[in-house]
N, C-alpha and C. Protein backbone atom coordinates (compact mmCIF):
# COMPACT_ATOMS: atom_id res chain seq x y z
N UNK A 1 -16.28 19.85 26.97
CA UNK A 1 -16.02 18.45 26.64
C UNK A 1 -16.16 18.26 25.13
N UNK A 2 -15.22 17.58 24.52
CA UNK A 2 -15.29 17.31 23.09
C UNK A 2 -16.38 16.30 22.79
N UNK A 3 -17.07 16.42 21.66
CA UNK A 3 -18.10 15.45 21.30
C UNK A 3 -17.51 14.10 20.99
N UNK A 4 -18.26 13.08 21.33
CA UNK A 4 -17.84 11.73 20.96
C UNK A 4 -18.23 11.47 19.51
N UNK A 5 -17.40 10.69 18.81
CA UNK A 5 -17.62 10.44 17.39
C UNK A 5 -17.81 8.95 17.15
N UNK A 6 -18.85 8.63 16.42
CA UNK A 6 -19.08 7.26 15.98
C UNK A 6 -18.82 7.20 14.48
N UNK A 7 -18.04 6.23 14.05
CA UNK A 7 -17.67 6.13 12.63
C UNK A 7 -18.09 4.79 12.06
N UNK A 8 -18.58 4.81 10.84
CA UNK A 8 -18.86 3.61 10.06
C UNK A 8 -17.92 3.61 8.87
N UNK A 9 -17.22 2.50 8.65
CA UNK A 9 -16.19 2.43 7.63
C UNK A 9 -16.50 1.28 6.67
N UNK A 10 -16.40 1.56 5.39
CA UNK A 10 -16.52 0.53 4.36
C UNK A 10 -15.31 0.63 3.45
N UNK A 11 -14.59 -0.47 3.27
CA UNK A 11 -13.43 -0.50 2.39
C UNK A 11 -13.61 -1.61 1.38
N UNK A 12 -13.43 -1.29 0.11
CA UNK A 12 -13.47 -2.28 -0.95
C UNK A 12 -12.14 -2.27 -1.68
N UNK A 13 -11.70 -3.44 -2.13
CA UNK A 13 -10.41 -3.56 -2.79
C UNK A 13 -10.52 -4.44 -4.01
N UNK A 14 -9.77 -4.07 -5.05
CA UNK A 14 -9.59 -4.93 -6.22
C UNK A 14 -8.11 -5.25 -6.31
N UNK A 15 -7.76 -6.50 -6.15
CA UNK A 15 -6.37 -6.90 -6.26
C UNK A 15 -5.88 -7.63 -5.03
N UNK A 16 -6.28 -7.24 -3.82
CA UNK A 16 -5.85 -7.89 -2.59
C UNK A 16 -7.04 -7.99 -1.65
N UNK A 17 -7.56 -9.18 -1.37
CA UNK A 17 -8.80 -9.33 -0.62
C UNK A 17 -8.66 -9.22 0.89
N UNK A 18 -7.47 -9.44 1.46
CA UNK A 18 -7.34 -9.50 2.93
C UNK A 18 -7.24 -8.11 3.53
N UNK A 19 -8.09 -7.84 4.53
CA UNK A 19 -8.09 -6.53 5.16
C UNK A 19 -8.03 -6.67 6.67
N UNK A 20 -7.42 -5.69 7.30
CA UNK A 20 -7.41 -5.62 8.76
C UNK A 20 -8.65 -4.85 9.21
N UNK A 21 -8.73 -4.58 10.52
CA UNK A 21 -9.86 -3.84 11.05
C UNK A 21 -9.67 -2.33 10.90
N UNK A 22 -8.50 -1.89 10.44
CA UNK A 22 -8.22 -0.47 10.30
C UNK A 22 -8.54 0.07 8.93
N UNK A 23 -7.79 1.11 8.54
CA UNK A 23 -8.07 1.82 7.30
C UNK A 23 -7.31 1.25 6.10
N UNK A 24 -6.36 0.36 6.34
CA UNK A 24 -5.48 -0.08 5.28
C UNK A 24 -5.53 -1.60 5.13
N UNK A 25 -5.10 -2.12 3.97
CA UNK A 25 -5.01 -3.57 3.79
C UNK A 25 -4.09 -4.20 4.82
N UNK A 26 -4.39 -5.43 5.18
CA UNK A 26 -3.63 -6.13 6.22
C UNK A 26 -2.16 -6.25 5.87
N UNK A 27 -1.85 -6.41 4.59
CA UNK A 27 -0.46 -6.55 4.16
C UNK A 27 0.11 -5.24 3.62
N UNK A 28 -0.62 -4.13 3.79
CA UNK A 28 -0.17 -2.84 3.29
C UNK A 28 1.07 -2.35 4.03
N UNK A 29 1.99 -1.74 3.30
CA UNK A 29 3.21 -1.22 3.88
C UNK A 29 3.17 0.28 4.09
N UNK A 30 2.22 0.97 3.44
CA UNK A 30 2.11 2.42 3.53
C UNK A 30 0.66 2.85 3.65
N UNK A 31 0.39 3.99 4.28
CA UNK A 31 -0.97 4.54 4.26
C UNK A 31 -1.36 4.95 2.85
N UNK A 32 -2.58 4.64 2.45
CA UNK A 32 -3.08 5.06 1.14
C UNK A 32 -4.25 6.03 1.28
N UNK A 33 -4.48 6.52 2.49
CA UNK A 33 -5.66 7.33 2.78
C UNK A 33 -5.25 8.73 3.28
N UNK A 34 -6.11 9.71 2.99
CA UNK A 34 -5.95 11.06 3.53
C UNK A 34 -6.96 11.32 4.64
N UNK A 35 -7.53 10.24 5.18
CA UNK A 35 -8.60 10.36 6.17
C UNK A 35 -8.20 11.25 7.35
N UNK A 36 -6.96 11.16 7.79
CA UNK A 36 -6.54 11.92 8.97
C UNK A 36 -6.65 13.43 8.77
N UNK A 37 -6.72 13.88 7.52
CA UNK A 37 -6.80 15.31 7.25
C UNK A 37 -8.19 15.88 7.49
N UNK A 38 -9.21 15.02 7.49
CA UNK A 38 -10.58 15.51 7.59
C UNK A 38 -11.05 15.47 9.05
N UNK A 39 -10.67 16.49 9.80
CA UNK A 39 -11.07 16.59 11.20
C UNK A 39 -12.55 16.97 11.27
N UNK A 40 -13.25 16.40 12.24
CA UNK A 40 -14.65 16.76 12.44
C UNK A 40 -14.73 18.20 12.94
N UNK A 41 -15.29 19.10 12.10
CA UNK A 41 -15.30 20.52 12.42
C UNK A 41 -16.07 20.83 13.70
N UNK A 42 -17.06 20.00 14.04
CA UNK A 42 -17.87 20.24 15.24
C UNK A 42 -17.04 20.17 16.51
N UNK A 43 -15.82 19.63 16.44
CA UNK A 43 -14.95 19.58 17.60
C UNK A 43 -14.33 20.94 17.91
N UNK A 44 -14.45 21.89 16.96
CA UNK A 44 -13.85 23.21 17.11
C UNK A 44 -14.93 24.28 17.07
N UNK A 45 -14.64 25.47 17.63
CA UNK A 45 -15.63 26.56 17.57
C UNK A 45 -15.95 26.95 16.12
N UNK A 46 -17.17 27.38 15.88
CA UNK A 46 -17.60 27.74 14.54
C UNK A 46 -16.77 28.86 13.94
N UNK A 47 -16.16 29.72 14.78
CA UNK A 47 -15.33 30.81 14.28
C UNK A 47 -14.11 30.29 13.51
N UNK A 48 -13.71 29.03 13.76
CA UNK A 48 -12.55 28.46 13.11
C UNK A 48 -12.88 27.79 11.77
N UNK A 49 -14.14 27.61 11.49
CA UNK A 49 -14.51 26.80 10.32
C UNK A 49 -14.04 27.41 9.01
N UNK A 50 -14.08 28.74 8.91
CA UNK A 50 -13.64 29.38 7.66
C UNK A 50 -12.17 29.09 7.40
N UNK A 51 -11.36 29.15 8.44
CA UNK A 51 -9.94 28.84 8.28
C UNK A 51 -9.72 27.39 7.88
N UNK A 52 -10.55 26.49 8.42
CA UNK A 52 -10.44 25.08 8.05
C UNK A 52 -10.79 24.86 6.59
N UNK A 53 -11.79 25.60 6.10
CA UNK A 53 -12.20 25.46 4.70
C UNK A 53 -11.10 25.90 3.73
N UNK A 54 -10.26 26.85 4.15
CA UNK A 54 -9.25 27.41 3.25
C UNK A 54 -7.88 26.76 3.39
N UNK A 55 -7.70 25.86 4.34
CA UNK A 55 -6.36 25.34 4.59
C UNK A 55 -5.93 24.41 3.45
N UNK A 56 -4.64 24.48 3.12
CA UNK A 56 -4.04 23.59 2.12
C UNK A 56 -2.60 23.31 2.54
N UNK A 57 -2.16 22.10 2.34
CA UNK A 57 -0.81 21.72 2.72
C UNK A 57 -0.47 20.36 2.12
N UNK A 58 0.79 19.98 2.22
CA UNK A 58 1.26 18.68 1.77
C UNK A 58 1.77 17.90 2.98
N UNK A 59 1.41 16.63 3.07
CA UNK A 59 1.84 15.79 4.19
C UNK A 59 2.39 14.47 3.67
N UNK A 60 3.50 14.04 4.23
CA UNK A 60 4.05 12.71 3.97
C UNK A 60 3.54 11.78 5.06
N UNK A 61 2.95 10.66 4.66
CA UNK A 61 2.31 9.77 5.64
C UNK A 61 3.02 8.43 5.81
N UNK A 62 3.89 8.05 4.88
CA UNK A 62 4.55 6.75 5.00
C UNK A 62 5.87 6.69 4.26
N UNK A 63 6.80 5.88 4.79
CA UNK A 63 8.11 5.70 4.17
C UNK A 63 8.58 4.29 4.48
N UNK A 64 9.01 3.57 3.45
CA UNK A 64 9.43 2.18 3.61
C UNK A 64 10.68 1.92 2.78
N UNK A 65 11.68 1.30 3.41
CA UNK A 65 12.89 0.88 2.71
C UNK A 65 12.98 -0.63 2.80
N UNK A 66 12.94 -1.29 1.65
CA UNK A 66 12.95 -2.75 1.63
C UNK A 66 14.34 -3.34 1.79
N UNK A 67 14.63 -3.85 2.96
CA UNK A 67 15.91 -4.50 3.19
C UNK A 67 15.74 -6.02 3.31
N UNK A 68 14.71 -6.43 4.01
CA UNK A 68 14.44 -7.85 4.19
C UNK A 68 13.15 -8.28 3.51
N UNK A 69 12.48 -7.34 2.85
CA UNK A 69 11.19 -7.64 2.23
C UNK A 69 11.06 -6.86 0.93
N UNK A 70 10.42 -7.46 -0.07
CA UNK A 70 10.13 -6.79 -1.33
C UNK A 70 8.64 -6.47 -1.39
N UNK A 71 8.31 -5.41 -2.14
CA UNK A 71 6.93 -4.95 -2.20
C UNK A 71 6.47 -4.86 -3.65
N UNK A 72 5.15 -4.96 -3.83
CA UNK A 72 4.50 -4.74 -5.12
C UNK A 72 3.09 -4.26 -4.85
N UNK A 73 2.65 -3.25 -5.56
CA UNK A 73 1.31 -2.70 -5.33
C UNK A 73 1.14 -2.14 -3.94
N UNK A 74 2.22 -1.65 -3.34
CA UNK A 74 2.15 -1.08 -2.01
C UNK A 74 2.02 -2.08 -0.88
N UNK A 75 2.16 -3.37 -1.21
CA UNK A 75 2.02 -4.41 -0.20
C UNK A 75 3.18 -5.39 -0.27
N UNK A 76 3.35 -6.18 0.80
CA UNK A 76 4.47 -7.10 0.85
C UNK A 76 4.34 -8.16 -0.25
N UNK A 77 5.41 -8.38 -0.97
CA UNK A 77 5.44 -9.36 -2.05
C UNK A 77 6.08 -10.66 -1.57
N UNK A 78 7.25 -10.55 -0.97
CA UNK A 78 7.96 -11.72 -0.45
C UNK A 78 9.13 -11.26 0.41
N UNK A 79 9.53 -12.10 1.34
CA UNK A 79 10.73 -11.83 2.12
C UNK A 79 11.95 -12.24 1.32
N UNK A 80 13.05 -11.57 1.57
CA UNK A 80 14.29 -11.92 0.87
C UNK A 80 14.74 -13.31 1.33
N UNK A 81 14.84 -14.27 0.42
CA UNK A 81 15.25 -15.62 0.83
C UNK A 81 16.75 -15.69 1.13
N UNK A 82 17.13 -16.51 2.07
CA UNK A 82 18.53 -16.75 2.39
C UNK A 82 18.88 -18.19 2.00
N UNK A 83 18.96 -19.06 2.98
CA UNK A 83 19.19 -20.47 2.71
C UNK A 83 17.84 -21.16 2.58
N UNK A 84 17.56 -21.75 1.44
CA UNK A 84 16.28 -22.41 1.21
C UNK A 84 16.52 -23.89 0.92
N UNK A 85 15.50 -24.68 1.27
CA UNK A 85 15.56 -26.13 1.04
C UNK A 85 14.46 -26.55 0.08
N UNK A 86 14.71 -27.56 -0.69
CA UNK A 86 13.75 -28.05 -1.67
C UNK A 86 12.48 -28.52 -0.98
N UNK A 87 11.33 -28.19 -1.57
CA UNK A 87 10.06 -28.67 -1.03
C UNK A 87 9.89 -30.17 -1.27
N UNK A 88 10.73 -30.72 -2.14
CA UNK A 88 10.65 -32.15 -2.43
C UNK A 88 11.60 -32.97 -1.55
N UNK A 89 12.72 -32.36 -1.17
CA UNK A 89 13.73 -33.08 -0.38
C UNK A 89 14.41 -32.08 0.55
N UNK A 90 14.08 -32.12 1.83
CA UNK A 90 14.58 -31.13 2.79
C UNK A 90 16.09 -31.23 3.01
N UNK A 91 16.72 -32.26 2.51
CA UNK A 91 18.18 -32.38 2.66
C UNK A 91 18.93 -31.62 1.58
N UNK A 92 18.22 -31.15 0.57
CA UNK A 92 18.85 -30.38 -0.51
C UNK A 92 18.60 -28.90 -0.25
N UNK A 93 19.62 -28.18 0.13
CA UNK A 93 19.49 -26.77 0.50
C UNK A 93 20.59 -25.94 -0.18
N UNK A 94 20.25 -24.69 -0.46
CA UNK A 94 21.21 -23.78 -1.07
C UNK A 94 21.00 -22.37 -0.53
N UNK A 95 22.06 -21.58 -0.53
CA UNK A 95 21.98 -20.17 -0.17
C UNK A 95 21.71 -19.38 -1.46
N UNK A 96 20.51 -18.80 -1.56
CA UNK A 96 20.12 -18.08 -2.77
C UNK A 96 20.09 -16.57 -2.56
N UNK A 97 20.62 -16.10 -1.43
CA UNK A 97 20.54 -14.67 -1.11
C UNK A 97 21.15 -13.80 -2.20
N UNK A 98 22.26 -14.24 -2.78
CA UNK A 98 22.94 -13.42 -3.79
C UNK A 98 22.08 -13.20 -5.02
N UNK A 99 21.17 -14.13 -5.29
CA UNK A 99 20.30 -13.98 -6.45
C UNK A 99 19.25 -12.88 -6.26
N UNK A 100 19.03 -12.46 -5.01
CA UNK A 100 18.02 -11.44 -4.70
C UNK A 100 18.64 -10.17 -4.11
N UNK A 101 19.94 -10.02 -4.31
CA UNK A 101 20.64 -8.85 -3.78
C UNK A 101 20.77 -7.79 -4.86
N UNK A 102 20.76 -6.52 -4.41
CA UNK A 102 20.88 -5.40 -5.33
C UNK A 102 21.65 -4.28 -4.64
N UNK A 103 22.33 -3.47 -5.42
CA UNK A 103 23.07 -2.35 -4.86
C UNK A 103 22.15 -1.22 -4.42
N UNK A 104 20.90 -1.21 -4.91
CA UNK A 104 19.94 -0.16 -4.57
C UNK A 104 18.72 -0.78 -3.90
N UNK A 105 18.35 -0.30 -2.70
CA UNK A 105 17.16 -0.85 -2.04
C UNK A 105 15.88 -0.33 -2.68
N UNK A 106 14.80 -1.03 -2.43
CA UNK A 106 13.48 -0.58 -2.89
C UNK A 106 12.95 0.43 -1.87
N UNK A 107 12.49 1.58 -2.36
CA UNK A 107 12.00 2.65 -1.49
C UNK A 107 10.58 3.01 -1.87
N UNK A 108 9.68 3.07 -0.89
CA UNK A 108 8.30 3.47 -1.09
C UNK A 108 8.00 4.67 -0.21
N UNK A 109 7.17 5.57 -0.73
CA UNK A 109 6.76 6.76 0.02
C UNK A 109 5.32 7.10 -0.35
N UNK A 110 4.55 7.59 0.63
CA UNK A 110 3.18 8.01 0.35
C UNK A 110 2.86 9.30 1.09
N UNK A 111 1.81 9.98 0.62
CA UNK A 111 1.40 11.23 1.25
C UNK A 111 0.12 11.74 0.61
N UNK A 112 -0.23 12.97 0.94
CA UNK A 112 -1.41 13.59 0.34
C UNK A 112 -1.22 15.09 0.24
N UNK A 113 -1.96 15.68 -0.71
CA UNK A 113 -2.02 17.13 -0.88
C UNK A 113 -3.42 17.57 -0.49
N UNK A 114 -3.52 18.38 0.56
CA UNK A 114 -4.81 18.92 0.99
C UNK A 114 -5.10 20.17 0.16
N UNK A 115 -6.13 20.10 -0.69
CA UNK A 115 -6.46 21.21 -1.57
C UNK A 115 -7.26 22.28 -0.84
N UNK A 116 -8.20 21.84 -0.01
CA UNK A 116 -8.99 22.72 0.84
C UNK A 116 -9.58 21.85 1.95
N UNK A 117 -10.55 22.37 2.67
CA UNK A 117 -11.07 21.63 3.81
C UNK A 117 -11.80 20.35 3.47
N UNK A 118 -12.17 20.15 2.19
CA UNK A 118 -12.97 18.98 1.84
C UNK A 118 -12.44 18.18 0.67
N UNK A 119 -11.26 18.53 0.15
CA UNK A 119 -10.71 17.82 -1.01
C UNK A 119 -9.22 17.57 -0.84
N UNK A 120 -8.79 16.38 -1.23
CA UNK A 120 -7.38 16.02 -1.13
C UNK A 120 -7.01 15.07 -2.26
N UNK A 121 -5.73 15.07 -2.59
CA UNK A 121 -5.16 14.14 -3.57
C UNK A 121 -4.12 13.28 -2.85
N UNK A 122 -4.24 11.96 -2.95
CA UNK A 122 -3.24 11.07 -2.37
C UNK A 122 -2.23 10.68 -3.45
N UNK A 123 -0.98 10.49 -3.02
CA UNK A 123 0.07 10.15 -3.97
C UNK A 123 1.09 9.23 -3.30
N UNK A 124 1.87 8.57 -4.12
CA UNK A 124 2.93 7.72 -3.61
C UNK A 124 3.83 7.27 -4.73
N UNK A 125 5.00 6.77 -4.38
CA UNK A 125 5.95 6.29 -5.37
C UNK A 125 6.65 5.06 -4.85
N UNK A 126 6.90 4.13 -5.75
CA UNK A 126 7.68 2.93 -5.47
C UNK A 126 8.82 2.92 -6.48
N UNK A 127 10.06 2.95 -6.00
CA UNK A 127 11.22 3.03 -6.90
C UNK A 127 11.50 1.74 -7.63
N UNK A 128 10.88 0.63 -7.17
CA UNK A 128 11.13 -0.66 -7.81
C UNK A 128 12.38 -1.33 -7.28
N UNK A 129 12.66 -2.50 -7.84
CA UNK A 129 13.80 -3.29 -7.36
C UNK A 129 14.32 -4.14 -8.51
N UNK A 130 15.65 -4.34 -8.53
CA UNK A 130 16.25 -5.13 -9.59
C UNK A 130 17.34 -6.03 -9.03
N UNK A 131 17.19 -7.34 -9.24
CA UNK A 131 18.19 -8.33 -8.83
C UNK A 131 18.23 -9.41 -9.91
N UNK A 132 19.20 -10.31 -9.85
CA UNK A 132 19.28 -11.33 -10.91
C UNK A 132 18.02 -12.17 -11.09
N UNK A 133 17.30 -12.47 -10.00
CA UNK A 133 16.15 -13.37 -10.10
C UNK A 133 14.81 -12.70 -9.84
N UNK A 134 14.79 -11.43 -9.48
CA UNK A 134 13.54 -10.72 -9.24
C UNK A 134 13.68 -9.27 -9.69
N UNK A 135 12.71 -8.83 -10.50
CA UNK A 135 12.66 -7.44 -10.92
C UNK A 135 11.26 -6.90 -10.69
N UNK A 136 11.19 -5.75 -10.01
CA UNK A 136 9.92 -5.06 -9.75
C UNK A 136 10.05 -3.66 -10.32
N UNK A 137 9.20 -3.31 -11.26
CA UNK A 137 9.30 -2.00 -11.90
C UNK A 137 8.76 -0.91 -10.98
N UNK A 138 9.12 0.35 -11.20
CA UNK A 138 8.58 1.45 -10.41
C UNK A 138 7.06 1.57 -10.59
N UNK A 139 6.41 2.23 -9.62
CA UNK A 139 4.95 2.41 -9.67
C UNK A 139 4.57 3.71 -8.99
N UNK A 140 3.35 4.17 -9.29
CA UNK A 140 2.81 5.39 -8.69
C UNK A 140 1.50 5.08 -7.97
N UNK A 141 1.30 5.72 -6.83
CA UNK A 141 0.01 5.70 -6.13
C UNK A 141 -0.69 7.01 -6.41
N UNK A 142 -1.92 6.94 -6.91
CA UNK A 142 -2.71 8.13 -7.19
C UNK A 142 -4.12 7.93 -6.65
N UNK A 143 -4.70 9.00 -6.10
CA UNK A 143 -6.05 8.89 -5.58
C UNK A 143 -6.65 10.25 -5.27
N UNK A 144 -7.95 10.25 -5.04
CA UNK A 144 -8.67 11.48 -4.67
C UNK A 144 -9.54 11.20 -3.45
N UNK A 145 -9.73 12.25 -2.64
CA UNK A 145 -10.56 12.16 -1.44
C UNK A 145 -11.52 13.34 -1.42
N UNK A 146 -12.77 13.09 -1.06
CA UNK A 146 -13.79 14.13 -1.04
C UNK A 146 -14.66 13.99 0.19
N UNK A 147 -14.96 15.12 0.84
CA UNK A 147 -15.83 15.12 2.02
C UNK A 147 -17.06 15.97 1.78
N UNK A 148 -18.20 15.48 2.31
CA UNK A 148 -19.45 16.23 2.33
C UNK A 148 -19.95 16.31 3.77
N UNK A 149 -20.30 17.53 4.22
CA UNK A 149 -20.94 17.68 5.52
C UNK A 149 -22.41 17.33 5.38
N UNK A 150 -22.94 16.62 6.36
CA UNK A 150 -24.32 16.15 6.31
C UNK A 150 -25.28 17.05 7.07
N UNK A 151 -24.76 18.11 7.72
CA UNK A 151 -25.62 19.05 8.44
C UNK A 151 -24.90 20.38 8.56
N UNK A 152 -25.67 21.45 8.79
CA UNK A 152 -25.07 22.78 8.95
C UNK A 152 -24.23 22.88 10.21
N UNK A 153 -24.47 22.02 11.16
CA UNK A 153 -23.69 22.01 12.40
C UNK A 153 -22.31 21.38 12.22
N UNK A 154 -22.09 20.76 11.07
CA UNK A 154 -20.84 20.08 10.76
C UNK A 154 -20.49 19.03 11.82
N UNK A 155 -21.53 18.38 12.31
CA UNK A 155 -21.32 17.32 13.29
C UNK A 155 -21.46 15.92 12.67
N UNK A 156 -21.56 15.88 11.33
CA UNK A 156 -21.61 14.61 10.60
C UNK A 156 -21.05 14.85 9.21
N UNK A 157 -20.25 13.90 8.76
CA UNK A 157 -19.73 14.03 7.40
C UNK A 157 -19.56 12.67 6.75
N UNK A 158 -19.55 12.69 5.42
CA UNK A 158 -19.34 11.50 4.61
C UNK A 158 -18.08 11.73 3.79
N UNK A 159 -17.17 10.76 3.81
CA UNK A 159 -15.91 10.87 3.08
C UNK A 159 -15.80 9.68 2.15
N UNK A 160 -15.42 9.95 0.91
CA UNK A 160 -15.19 8.88 -0.06
C UNK A 160 -13.80 9.06 -0.65
N UNK A 161 -13.10 7.95 -0.79
CA UNK A 161 -11.76 7.96 -1.36
C UNK A 161 -11.63 6.86 -2.42
N UNK A 162 -10.94 7.18 -3.49
CA UNK A 162 -10.60 6.20 -4.52
C UNK A 162 -9.12 6.35 -4.82
N UNK A 163 -8.39 5.24 -4.77
CA UNK A 163 -6.95 5.31 -5.01
C UNK A 163 -6.45 3.98 -5.51
N UNK A 164 -5.21 3.97 -5.97
CA UNK A 164 -4.63 2.71 -6.45
C UNK A 164 -3.18 2.89 -6.86
N UNK A 165 -2.48 1.75 -6.89
CA UNK A 165 -1.11 1.70 -7.39
C UNK A 165 -1.15 1.31 -8.87
N UNK A 166 -0.39 2.04 -9.69
CA UNK A 166 -0.45 1.84 -11.13
C UNK A 166 0.95 1.70 -11.72
N UNK A 167 1.04 0.91 -12.81
CA UNK A 167 2.24 0.84 -13.61
C UNK A 167 3.26 -0.18 -13.18
N UNK A 168 2.93 -1.03 -12.21
CA UNK A 168 3.92 -1.96 -11.69
C UNK A 168 3.88 -3.30 -12.41
N UNK A 169 5.07 -3.86 -12.63
CA UNK A 169 5.19 -5.22 -13.16
C UNK A 169 6.23 -5.97 -12.35
N UNK A 170 6.04 -7.29 -12.23
CA UNK A 170 6.93 -8.16 -11.47
C UNK A 170 7.42 -9.26 -12.38
N UNK A 171 8.71 -9.54 -12.32
CA UNK A 171 9.29 -10.58 -13.16
C UNK A 171 10.24 -11.44 -12.34
N UNK A 172 9.98 -12.75 -12.30
CA UNK A 172 10.87 -13.72 -11.65
C UNK A 172 11.67 -14.47 -12.71
N UNK A 173 12.89 -14.84 -12.38
CA UNK A 173 13.73 -15.66 -13.25
C UNK A 173 14.07 -16.95 -12.53
N UNK A 174 14.11 -18.08 -13.23
CA UNK A 174 14.38 -19.36 -12.57
C UNK A 174 15.86 -19.57 -12.26
N UNK A 175 16.10 -20.44 -11.29
CA UNK A 175 17.45 -20.97 -11.05
C UNK A 175 17.60 -22.23 -11.92
N UNK A 176 18.78 -22.45 -12.44
CA UNK A 176 19.05 -23.59 -13.32
C UNK A 176 20.11 -24.48 -12.67
N UNK A 177 19.82 -25.78 -12.57
CA UNK A 177 20.80 -26.69 -11.96
C UNK A 177 21.76 -27.24 -13.02
N UNK A 178 22.63 -28.15 -12.60
CA UNK A 178 23.65 -28.69 -13.51
C UNK A 178 23.08 -29.51 -14.65
N UNK A 179 21.81 -29.89 -14.52
CA UNK A 179 21.15 -30.68 -15.57
C UNK A 179 20.20 -29.83 -16.42
N UNK A 180 20.38 -28.50 -16.33
CA UNK A 180 19.56 -27.54 -17.08
C UNK A 180 18.08 -27.61 -16.70
N UNK A 181 17.79 -28.01 -15.46
CA UNK A 181 16.41 -28.00 -14.98
C UNK A 181 16.13 -26.68 -14.28
N UNK A 182 14.96 -26.11 -14.54
CA UNK A 182 14.60 -24.80 -14.00
C UNK A 182 13.81 -24.95 -12.70
N UNK A 183 14.16 -24.11 -11.71
CA UNK A 183 13.49 -24.12 -10.41
C UNK A 183 13.16 -22.69 -9.98
N UNK A 184 12.13 -22.57 -9.19
CA UNK A 184 11.87 -21.29 -8.51
C UNK A 184 12.84 -21.19 -7.34
N UNK A 185 13.63 -20.12 -7.32
CA UNK A 185 14.70 -20.00 -6.32
C UNK A 185 14.18 -19.89 -4.90
N UNK A 186 12.94 -19.42 -4.73
CA UNK A 186 12.42 -19.18 -3.38
C UNK A 186 12.23 -20.43 -2.55
N UNK A 187 11.92 -21.57 -3.20
CA UNK A 187 11.75 -22.83 -2.44
C UNK A 187 12.22 -24.06 -3.24
N UNK A 188 12.92 -23.79 -4.35
CA UNK A 188 13.48 -24.86 -5.19
C UNK A 188 12.41 -25.80 -5.73
N UNK A 189 11.22 -25.27 -5.95
CA UNK A 189 10.16 -26.06 -6.59
C UNK A 189 10.32 -25.97 -8.10
N UNK A 190 9.71 -26.89 -8.82
CA UNK A 190 9.79 -26.89 -10.28
C UNK A 190 9.27 -25.58 -10.84
N UNK A 191 9.97 -25.01 -11.79
CA UNK A 191 9.56 -23.73 -12.38
C UNK A 191 8.18 -23.82 -13.01
N UNK A 192 7.86 -24.99 -13.55
CA UNK A 192 6.55 -25.17 -14.19
C UNK A 192 5.41 -25.11 -13.18
N UNK A 193 5.70 -25.31 -11.88
CA UNK A 193 4.66 -25.26 -10.84
C UNK A 193 4.53 -23.87 -10.22
N UNK A 194 5.41 -22.95 -10.57
CA UNK A 194 5.43 -21.63 -9.93
C UNK A 194 4.61 -20.65 -10.75
N UNK A 195 3.69 -19.97 -10.09
CA UNK A 195 2.89 -18.94 -10.74
C UNK A 195 2.94 -17.67 -9.89
N UNK A 196 2.73 -16.52 -10.53
CA UNK A 196 2.73 -15.24 -9.80
C UNK A 196 1.99 -14.20 -10.62
N UNK A 197 1.62 -13.12 -9.95
CA UNK A 197 0.92 -12.01 -10.60
C UNK A 197 1.95 -11.05 -11.18
N UNK A 198 2.03 -11.00 -12.50
CA UNK A 198 3.05 -10.18 -13.16
C UNK A 198 2.69 -8.69 -13.18
N UNK A 199 1.43 -8.36 -12.97
CA UNK A 199 1.00 -6.95 -13.01
C UNK A 199 0.09 -6.64 -11.82
N UNK A 200 0.65 -6.52 -10.62
CA UNK A 200 -0.17 -6.23 -9.44
C UNK A 200 -0.67 -4.79 -9.45
N UNK A 201 -1.98 -4.61 -9.55
CA UNK A 201 -2.60 -3.30 -9.52
C UNK A 201 -3.67 -3.30 -8.44
N UNK A 202 -3.35 -2.75 -7.29
CA UNK A 202 -4.30 -2.73 -6.17
C UNK A 202 -5.08 -1.43 -6.17
N UNK A 203 -6.41 -1.56 -6.26
CA UNK A 203 -7.31 -0.41 -6.28
C UNK A 203 -8.19 -0.43 -5.04
N UNK A 204 -8.44 0.76 -4.46
CA UNK A 204 -9.21 0.85 -3.22
C UNK A 204 -10.34 1.87 -3.36
N UNK A 205 -11.47 1.51 -2.77
CA UNK A 205 -12.59 2.44 -2.62
C UNK A 205 -12.98 2.43 -1.15
N UNK A 206 -12.91 3.60 -0.51
CA UNK A 206 -13.15 3.68 0.93
C UNK A 206 -14.21 4.74 1.20
N UNK A 207 -15.15 4.39 2.08
CA UNK A 207 -16.20 5.31 2.49
C UNK A 207 -16.26 5.37 4.00
N UNK A 208 -16.38 6.57 4.54
CA UNK A 208 -16.55 6.76 5.96
C UNK A 208 -17.77 7.65 6.22
N UNK A 209 -18.52 7.28 7.22
CA UNK A 209 -19.56 8.18 7.74
C UNK A 209 -19.28 8.35 9.22
N UNK A 210 -19.17 9.62 9.65
CA UNK A 210 -18.90 9.91 11.06
C UNK A 210 -19.94 10.88 11.59
N UNK A 211 -20.33 10.65 12.82
CA UNK A 211 -21.33 11.47 13.49
C UNK A 211 -20.85 11.79 14.90
N UNK A 212 -20.84 13.06 15.25
CA UNK A 212 -20.43 13.49 16.58
C UNK A 212 -21.65 13.69 17.46
N UNK A 213 -21.54 13.21 18.69
CA UNK A 213 -22.65 13.34 19.66
C UNK A 213 -22.18 14.09 20.89
């Protein structure tokens, strides 16, 4: 019978406060963790441990193509707007889809490089997006993962990960009406009332402690 495992998880984030009960941010579009690579060695015979210590490989863990949604910092930024109505007057509506259309979709990918049984590097790429009213620059996901066994039986381990998306910038452009008034195209609100994060940099610190019984 395989041992049962109890895990304690702590996740901290700088940039996006909302989290789900799992390993990733609630609005995350890709895995940012190499946790799945660190199998509890106590689940396998001790004769296999040396091979586990020496294993190295590359794994792709996530792939996202933005067709109806745009991303920044590895998380959802906004849905592609179609027909929108003014927040001031619901009878005033326009189709703004063409302002957010591009010949190239936004593509995100993530993965990790397993260096040995206790060390990994996480990586990812965001190709960015360019349209008349929204531009998102490319970005990279970089991180490191480290495991320590807490006993010679390898029935308990502590894993720490630090990672983040870097180099991304977001730029919105206003829609202009016939009277040269500027509006945010997403809901036709006054441009002066619209604010956004121009440099989304999401950083994560994750700790796991697992014990097999």
